[in-house]
Protein backbone atom coordinates (compact mmCIF):
# COMPACT_ATOMS: atom_id res chain seq x y z
CA UNK A 1 14.27 3.05 22.83
CA UNK A 2 16.36 6.07 22.46
CA UNK A 3 15.93 9.54 23.19
CA UNK A 4 18.79 9.67 19.23
CA UNK A 5 15.25 7.51 17.84
CA UNK A 6 12.37 9.12 20.23
CA UNK A 7 13.42 12.27 18.80
CA UNK A 8 13.34 11.76 15.12
CA UNK A 9 10.02 10.15 15.49
CA UNK A 10 8.94 13.11 17.48
CA UNK A 11 10.64 16.14 14.17
CA UNK A 12 9.08 13.56 12.06
CA UNK A 13 5.83 13.49 13.54
CA UNK A 14 6.00 17.40 13.83
CA UNK A 15 7.06 17.66 10.12
CA UNK A 16 3.68 15.60 8.84
CA UNK A 17 1.33 17.81 11.13
CA UNK A 18 2.91 21.20 9.90
CA UNK A 19 3.15 20.26 6.39
CA UNK A 20 -0.75 19.91 6.33
CA UNK A 21 -2.09 22.89 8.65
CA UNK A 22 -0.07 24.91 6.14
CA UNK A 23 -2.24 22.85 3.65
CA UNK A 24 -5.19 23.38 4.86
CA UNK A 25 -5.48 26.45 7.12
CA UNK A 26 -5.41 28.47 4.14
CA UNK A 27 -8.96 27.00 2.52
CA UNK A 28 -9.95 25.14 5.07
CA UNK A 29 -13.48 23.76 3.64
CA UNK A 30 -12.09 23.89 -0.33
CA UNK A 31 -8.69 22.31 0.12
CA UNK A 32 -7.02 19.25 -0.24
CA UNK A 33 -6.31 17.50 2.77
CA UNK A 34 -9.55 15.84 3.05
CA UNK A 35 -12.88 14.34 1.30
CA UNK A 36 -12.47 12.13 -1.84
CA UNK A 37 -9.68 14.09 -3.48
CA UNK A 38 -6.70 13.98 -1.09
CA UNK A 39 -3.11 15.70 -2.58
CA UNK A 40 -1.33 15.70 1.17
CA UNK A 41 1.66 17.28 0.71
CA UNK A 42 2.60 15.12 3.88
CA UNK A 43 2.58 12.23 2.67
CA UNK A 44 5.68 12.09 0.95
CA UNK A 45 7.25 11.47 4.33
CA UNK A 46 5.89 7.99 4.01
CA UNK A 47 8.23 6.71 2.64
CA UNK A 48 10.89 7.90 5.04
CA UNK A 49 11.16 4.07 7.09
CA UNK A 50 12.74 2.77 3.93
CA UNK A 51 15.91 4.61 5.55
CA UNK A 52 14.18 5.48 9.49
CA UNK A 53 12.92 3.56 11.69
CA UNK A 54 11.69 6.11 13.45
CA UNK A 55 9.43 7.28 10.65
CA UNK A 56 6.87 4.12 11.50
CA UNK A 57 5.79 6.25 15.00
CA UNK A 58 6.89 9.39 13.89
CA UNK A 59 4.48 9.43 10.54
CA UNK A 60 1.54 7.21 12.93
CA UNK A 61 2.46 10.51 15.87
CA UNK A 62 1.59 12.89 12.97
CA UNK A 63 -1.96 11.55 10.73
CA UNK A 64 -3.13 11.34 13.97
CA UNK A 65 -2.33 15.35 14.93
CA UNK A 66 -2.96 16.43 12.17
CA UNK A 67 -6.70 13.95 11.65
CA UNK A 68 -7.51 15.09 15.23
CA UNK A 69 -7.28 19.16 15.57
CA UNK A 70 -8.61 18.96 11.80
CA UNK A 71 -11.98 16.84 12.44
CA UNK A 72 -13.70 19.88 12.12
CA UNK A 73 -13.60 20.74 9.11
CA UNK A 74 -13.54 17.22 7.69
CA UNK A 75 -16.32 15.04 9.12
CA UNK A 76 -15.20 12.85 9.70
CA UNK A 77 -14.47 12.27 13.24
CA UNK A 78 -13.59 9.39 14.77
CA UNK A 79 -12.81 6.94 12.01
CA UNK A 80 -10.67 9.40 10.54
CA UNK A 81 -8.74 9.92 13.37
CA UNK A 82 -7.96 6.46 14.59
CA UNK A 83 -8.63 4.76 11.27
CA UNK A 84 -7.46 6.98 9.26
CA UNK A 85 -4.68 6.78 12.17
CA UNK A 86 -4.09 3.63 11.98
CA UNK A 87 -3.55 2.37 7.81
CA UNK A 88 -0.91 4.84 8.15
CA UNK A 89 1.01 2.89 11.29
CA UNK A 90 0.73 -0.46 9.13
CA UNK A 91 1.51 1.34 5.54
CA UNK A 92 4.24 3.29 7.67
CA UNK A 93 5.47 0.05 8.68
CA UNK A 94 5.20 -1.87 5.34
CA UNK A 95 7.43 0.12 3.86
CA UNK A 96 10.20 -0.24 6.44
CA UNK A 97 9.78 -3.71 5.29
CA UNK A 98 10.34 -2.45 1.23
CA UNK A 99 13.48 -4.24 -0.51
CA UNK A 100 13.33 -0.70 -2.60
CA UNK A 101 11.88 2.46 -3.22
CA UNK A 102 8.85 1.07 -5.27
CA UNK A 103 7.68 -1.01 -3.87
CA UNK A 104 7.43 0.77 -0.50
CA UNK A 105 5.77 3.31 -2.40
CA UNK A 106 2.87 0.18 -2.73
CA UNK A 107 1.95 0.84 1.00
CA UNK A 108 0.79 3.90 1.52
CA UNK A 109 -0.73 3.95 -1.78
CA UNK A 110 -2.53 1.31 -1.84
CA UNK A 111 -3.75 1.06 2.30
CA UNK A 112 -4.63 5.47 1.69
CA UNK A 113 -6.70 4.43 -2.04
CA UNK A 114 -8.87 1.67 -1.08
CA UNK A 115 -9.23 1.70 3.63
CA UNK A 116 -9.65 4.99 3.17
CA UNK A 117 -12.25 5.81 0.90
CA UNK A 118 -13.94 3.12 2.69
CA UNK A 119 -15.69 6.28 5.28
CA UNK A 120 -13.90 9.59 2.90
CA UNK A 121 -16.93 6.70 0.67
CA UNK A 122 -19.56 6.62 3.28
CA UNK A 123 -20.00 10.80 5.03
CA UNK A 124 -19.03 12.09 1.03
CA UNK A 125 -22.00 10.32 -0.59
CA UNK A 126 -19.26 10.20 -3.38
CA UNK A 127 -18.94 6.53 -4.44
CA UNK A 128 -16.48 4.18 -3.19
CA UNK A 129 -15.10 3.33 -7.16
CA UNK A 130 -14.88 6.99 -7.88
CA UNK A 131 -13.78 8.40 -4.22
CA UNK A 132 -10.83 4.93 -3.89
CA UNK A 133 -9.55 6.45 -8.26
CA UNK A 134 -9.48 9.88 -6.42
CA UNK A 135 -7.97 9.26 -3.08
CA UNK A 136 -5.14 6.89 -4.90
CA UNK A 137 -4.44 9.00 -7.37
CA UNK A 138 -3.39 11.48 -4.78
CA UNK A 139 -0.64 9.12 -2.77
CA UNK A 140 0.51 8.30 -6.06
CA UNK A 141 1.42 12.09 -6.58
CA UNK A 142 2.14 13.00 -3.12
CA UNK A 143 4.45 9.67 -2.25
CA UNK A 144 6.26 9.72 -5.68
CA UNK A 145 6.99 13.07 -6.22
CA UNK A 146 6.83 14.88 -3.25
CA UNK A 147 8.01 11.00 -1.56
CA UNK A 148 10.49 11.09 -3.87
CA UNK A 149 12.55 14.59 -3.31
CA UNK A 150 11.67 13.93 0.41
CA UNK A 151 14.02 10.63 0.74
CA UNK A 152 16.38 12.70 -1.62
CA UNK A 153 16.95 15.81 0.63
CA UNK A 154 17.26 12.95 3.97
CA UNK A 155 20.12 10.78 1.81
CA UNK A 156 21.78 14.01 0.73
CA UNK A 157 21.09 14.98 4.35
CA UNK A 158 23.02 11.89 5.92
CA UNK A 159 25.92 12.01 3.61
CA UNK A 160 26.85 15.06 4.38
CA UNK A 161 26.18 14.98 8.54
CA UNK A 162 28.75 11.55 8.40
CA UNK A 163 31.85 14.28 7.27
């Protein structure tokens, strides 16, 4: 690893954390960053592993920090801090191996929808299937809309940097 890689990973982690905090802190009890329906704007960053390898550890650390700092609001505790971070790490790695953007969208959408729903359903007492549908739908919106926008901006910025 070199300094550039670590810097990129750190910036991605910081951006993820800031986006989640900006979305969650104004209304900690009634927001869409935790719960059976999740629409984290920061999840748009989960497409970055397609074009930037430093996004894999960056996203993992960003989710770890966000879930840790907001654990008192989520009520999911250590299982979400560790489990949610590991789901993101696996999804980011799989996304980095994807052949295109559409295949790259599948790991964060499906893994978060299916796995994170396990403990969210348990703690909220909302049936698992409804939780899967809510989290998957939120991920679909975040990844397809915000992720596509983030990829577009990243690719444009990379072209300007080449000049």
